Amino acid sequence: MYDGSCPLCTKEIELYRKLQPLQAMAWVDVSDPHQSLPPGTTQQQLMQRFHVRTAQGELLDGAPAFVHLWAQLPGWRHLATLSRLPGAMTVMNAAYDVFLRWRPAMQRWVKRRALKQAKG
């Protein structure tokens, strides 16, 4: 589940969608107000962090969600393997938290850049 209103998130999901996963994936844009959400969650909560629902129904967020996704994708599985190294998940969670703090500024920059390119 991803924030489709975020240009960075959308680009990343477009990259993943081009790959052939080991199992079927449902790409859920939680910025769509008509989208069904998992019980006990809100749109705001789901838009704040990347989420994955496993085949077993477990809802993962942050680095564990990315690792679960990467384990399904060719060319990305090595990152899932690296996450099993001691301390790797802690570092990945910390890095993701830093990214989330910078995400609003990065989104504004990407949107301004796209607007400038559209104007010529």
C-alpha atoms as a PDB file:
ATOM      1  CA  MET A   1       0.000   0.000   0.000  1.00  0.00           C
ATOM      2  CA  TYR A   2       1.520   3.259  -1.080  1.00  0.00           C
ATOM      3  CA  ASP A   3       0.770   6.974  -1.201  1.00  0.00           C
ATOM      4  CA  GLY A   4      -0.151   7.597  -4.829  1.00  0.00           C
ATOM      5  CA  SER A   5      -0.202  11.351  -4.203  1.00  0.00           C
ATOM      6  CA  CYS A   6       3.552  11.209  -3.556  1.00  0.00           C
ATOM      7  CA  PRO A   7       5.553  11.501  -6.806  1.00  0.00           C
ATOM      8  CA  LEU A   8       8.516   9.689  -5.249  1.00  0.00           C
ATOM      9  CA  CYS A   9       6.370   6.794  -4.068  1.00  0.00           C
ATOM     10  CA  THR A  10       4.591   6.548  -7.405  1.00  0.00           C
ATOM     11  CA  LYS A  11       7.882   6.382  -9.343  1.00  0.00           C
ATOM     12  CA  GLU A  12       9.186   3.654  -7.056  1.00  0.00           C
ATOM     13  CA  ILE A  13       6.004   1.591  -7.385  1.00  0.00           C
ATOM     14  CA  GLU A  14       6.119   2.015 -11.196  1.00  0.00           C
ATOM     15  CA  LEU A  15       9.611   0.523 -11.107  1.00  0.00           C
ATOM     16  CA  TYR A  16       8.436  -2.461  -9.027  1.00  0.00           C
ATOM     17  CA  ARG A  17       5.339  -3.025 -11.188  1.00  0.00           C
ATOM     18  CA  LYS A  18       7.499  -3.692 -14.245  1.00  0.00           C
ATOM     19  CA  LEU A  19       9.013  -6.741 -12.543  1.00  0.00           C
ATOM     20  CA  GLN A  20       7.622 -10.266 -12.337  1.00  0.00           C
ATOM     21  CA  PRO A  21       7.099 -11.079  -8.626  1.00  0.00           C
ATOM     22  CA  LEU A  22       7.198 -14.596  -7.190  1.00  0.00           C
ATOM     23  CA  GLN A  23       3.564 -14.214  -6.138  1.00  0.00           C
ATOM     24  CA  ALA A  24       0.681 -12.025  -7.261  1.00  0.00           C
ATOM     25  CA  MET A  25       0.787  -8.431  -5.988  1.00  0.00           C
ATOM     26  CA  ALA A  26      -2.038  -5.962  -5.506  1.00  0.00           C
ATOM     27  CA  TRP A  27      -0.746  -2.399  -5.712  1.00  0.00           C
ATOM     28  CA  VAL A  28      -3.044  -0.311  -3.518  1.00  0.00           C
ATOM     29  CA  ASP A  29      -2.943   3.481  -3.799  1.00  0.00           C
ATOM     30  CA  VAL A  30      -4.208   4.551  -0.373  1.00  0.00           C
ATOM     31  CA  SER A  31      -4.482   8.189  -1.478  1.00  0.00           C
ATOM     32  CA  ASP A  32      -7.581   7.118  -3.451  1.00  0.00           C
ATOM     33  CA  PRO A  33     -10.539   7.922  -1.160  1.00  0.00           C
ATOM     34  CA  HIS A  34     -12.556   5.084  -2.752  1.00  0.00           C
ATOM     35  CA  GLN A  35      -9.944   2.456  -1.913  1.00  0.00           C
ATOM     36  CA  SER A  36     -10.885  -0.213   0.630  1.00  0.00           C
ATOM     37  CA  LEU A  37      -8.542  -0.129   3.603  1.00  0.00           C
ATOM     38  CA  PRO A  38      -7.546  -2.916   5.974  1.00  0.00           C
ATOM     39  CA  PRO A  39      -9.728  -3.093   9.101  1.00  0.00           C
ATOM     40  CA  GLY A  40      -8.415  -0.994  11.962  1.00  0.00           C
ATOM     41  CA  THR A  41      -6.439   1.385   9.722  1.00  0.00           C
ATOM     42  CA  THR A  42      -6.997   4.901   8.454  1.00  0.00           C
ATOM     43  CA  GLN A  43      -6.031   6.523   5.184  1.00  0.00           C
ATOM     44  CA  GLN A  44      -3.808   8.986   7.060  1.00  0.00           C
ATOM     45  CA  GLN A  45      -1.990   6.166   8.870  1.00  0.00           C
ATOM     46  CA  LEU A  46      -1.399   4.221   5.666  1.00  0.00           C
ATOM     47  CA  MET A  47      -0.183   7.287   3.757  1.00  0.00           C
ATOM     48  CA  GLN A  48       2.477   8.054   6.365  1.00  0.00           C
ATOM     49  CA  ARG A  49       4.495   4.874   5.779  1.00  0.00           C
ATOM     50  CA  PHE A  50       4.822   2.166   3.143  1.00  0.00           C
ATOM     51  CA  HIS A  51       2.749  -0.917   4.011  1.00  0.00           C
ATOM     52  CA  VAL A  52       2.545  -4.469   2.708  1.00  0.00           C
ATOM     53  CA  ARG A  53      -0.040  -7.076   3.568  1.00  0.00           C
ATOM     54  CA  THR A  54       1.501 -10.539   3.407  1.00  0.00           C
ATOM     55  CA  ALA A  55      -0.241 -13.557   1.910  1.00  0.00           C
ATOM     56  CA  GLN A  56      -0.932 -14.595   5.515  1.00  0.00           C
ATOM     57  CA  GLY A  57      -2.726 -11.284   6.168  1.00  0.00           C
ATOM     58  CA  GLU A  58      -0.038  -9.677   8.349  1.00  0.00           C
ATOM     59  CA  LEU A  59       0.276  -5.907   7.834  1.00  0.00           C
ATOM     60  CA  LEU A  60       3.919  -4.806   7.725  1.00  0.00           C
ATOM     61  CA  ASP A  61       5.173  -1.236   7.546  1.00  0.00           C
ATOM     62  CA  GLY A  62       8.459   0.555   7.048  1.00  0.00           C
ATOM     63  CA  ALA A  63      11.628  -1.458   6.459  1.00  0.00           C
ATOM     64  CA  PRO A  64       9.977  -4.866   7.104  1.00  0.00           C
ATOM     65  CA  ALA A  65       7.413  -4.024   4.405  1.00  0.00           C
ATOM     66  CA  PHE A  66      10.123  -3.146   1.896  1.00  0.00           C
ATOM     67  CA  VAL A  67      12.096  -6.288   2.749  1.00  0.00           C
ATOM     68  CA  HIS A  68       9.017  -8.461   2.264  1.00  0.00           C
ATOM     69  CA  LEU A  69       8.352  -6.820  -1.107  1.00  0.00           C
ATOM     70  CA  TRP A  70      11.972  -7.046  -2.240  1.00  0.00           C
ATOM     71  CA  ALA A  71      12.058 -10.766  -1.393  1.00  0.00           C
ATOM     72  CA  GLN A  72       9.386 -11.242  -4.080  1.00  0.00           C
ATOM     73  CA  LEU A  73      11.059  -9.230  -6.843  1.00  0.00           C
ATOM     74  CA  PRO A  74      13.838 -10.274  -9.216  1.00  0.00           C
ATOM     75  CA  GLY A  75      16.851  -8.026  -8.916  1.00  0.00           C
ATOM     76  CA  TRP A  76      15.819  -6.917  -5.423  1.00  0.00           C
ATOM     77  CA  ARG A  77      16.001 -10.199  -3.514  1.00  0.00           C
ATOM     78  CA  HIS A  78      19.648  -9.563  -2.607  1.00  0.00           C
ATOM     79  CA  LEU A  79      18.520  -6.561  -0.523  1.00  0.00           C
ATOM     80  CA  ALA A  80      16.081  -8.774   1.359  1.00  0.00           C
ATOM     81  CA  THR A  81      18.937 -11.197   2.012  1.00  0.00           C
ATOM     82  CA  LEU A  82      21.182  -8.384   3.289  1.00  0.00           C
ATOM     83  CA  SER A  83      18.477  -7.314   5.713  1.00  0.00           C
ATOM     84  CA  ARG A  84      19.093 -10.524   7.656  1.00  0.00           C
ATOM     85  CA  LEU A  85      22.578  -9.394   8.662  1.00  0.00           C
ATOM     86  CA  PRO A  86      22.863  -8.455  12.343  1.00  0.00           C
ATOM     87  CA  GLY A  87      21.713  -4.869  12.862  1.00  0.00           C
ATOM     88  CA  ALA A  88      20.667  -4.372   9.233  1.00  0.00           C
ATOM     89  CA  MET A  89      16.949  -4.004   9.969  1.00  0.00           C
ATOM     90  CA  THR A  90      17.677  -1.447  12.691  1.00  0.00           C
ATOM     91  CA  VAL A  91      19.754   0.612  10.246  1.00  0.00           C
ATOM     92  CA  MET A  92      17.111   0.267   7.529  1.00  0.00           C
ATOM     93  CA  ASN A  93      14.336   1.414   9.868  1.00  0.00           C
ATOM     94  CA  ALA A  94      16.422   4.400  10.971  1.00  0.00           C
ATOM     95  CA  ALA A  95      17.222   5.322   7.353  1.00  0.00           C
ATOM     96  CA  TYR A  96      13.534   5.065   6.422  1.00  0.00           C
ATOM     97  CA  ASP A  97      12.585   7.310   9.352  1.00  0.00           C
ATOM     98  CA  VAL A  98      15.107   9.912   8.144  1.00  0.00           C
ATOM     99  CA  PHE A  99      13.684   9.672   4.617  1.00  0.00           C
ATOM    100  CA  LEU A 100      10.160  10.182   5.977  1.00  0.00           C
ATOM    101  CA  ARG A 101      11.240  13.403   7.707  1.00  0.00           C
ATOM    102  CA  TRP A 102      12.701  14.687   4.420  1.00  0.00           C
ATOM    103  CA  ARG A 103       9.908  13.335   2.205  1.00  0.00           C
ATOM    104  CA  PRO A 104       7.691  16.470   2.255  1.00  0.00           C
ATOM    105  CA  ALA A 105      10.592  18.681   1.134  1.00  0.00           C
ATOM    106  CA  MET A 106      11.603  16.140  -1.514  1.00  0.00           C
ATOM    107  CA  GLN A 107       8.009  15.959  -2.783  1.00  0.00           C
ATOM    108  CA  ARG A 108       7.840  19.748  -3.133  1.00  0.00           C
ATOM    109  CA  TRP A 109      11.153  19.761  -5.007  1.00  0.00           C
ATOM    110  CA  VAL A 110      10.005  17.011  -7.410  1.00  0.00           C
ATOM    111  CA  LYS A 111       6.689  18.786  -8.048  1.00  0.00           C
ATOM    112  CA  ARG A 112       8.429  22.137  -8.710  1.00  0.00           C
ATOM    113  CA  ARG A 113      10.892  20.449 -11.052  1.00  0.00           C
ATOM    114  CA  ALA A 114       8.082  18.732 -12.966  1.00  0.00           C
ATOM    115  CA  LEU A 115       6.215  22.034 -13.234  1.00  0.00           C
ATOM    116  CA  LYS A 116       9.328  23.783 -14.614  1.00  0.00           C
ATOM    117  CA  GLN A 117       9.845  20.987 -17.160  1.00  0.00           C
ATOM    118  CA  ALA A 118       6.205  21.196 -18.250  1.00  0.00           C
ATOM    119  CA  LYS A 119       6.565  24.941 -18.853  1.00  0.00           C
ATOM    120  CA  GLY A 120       9.568  24.290 -21.042  1.00  0.00           C
END
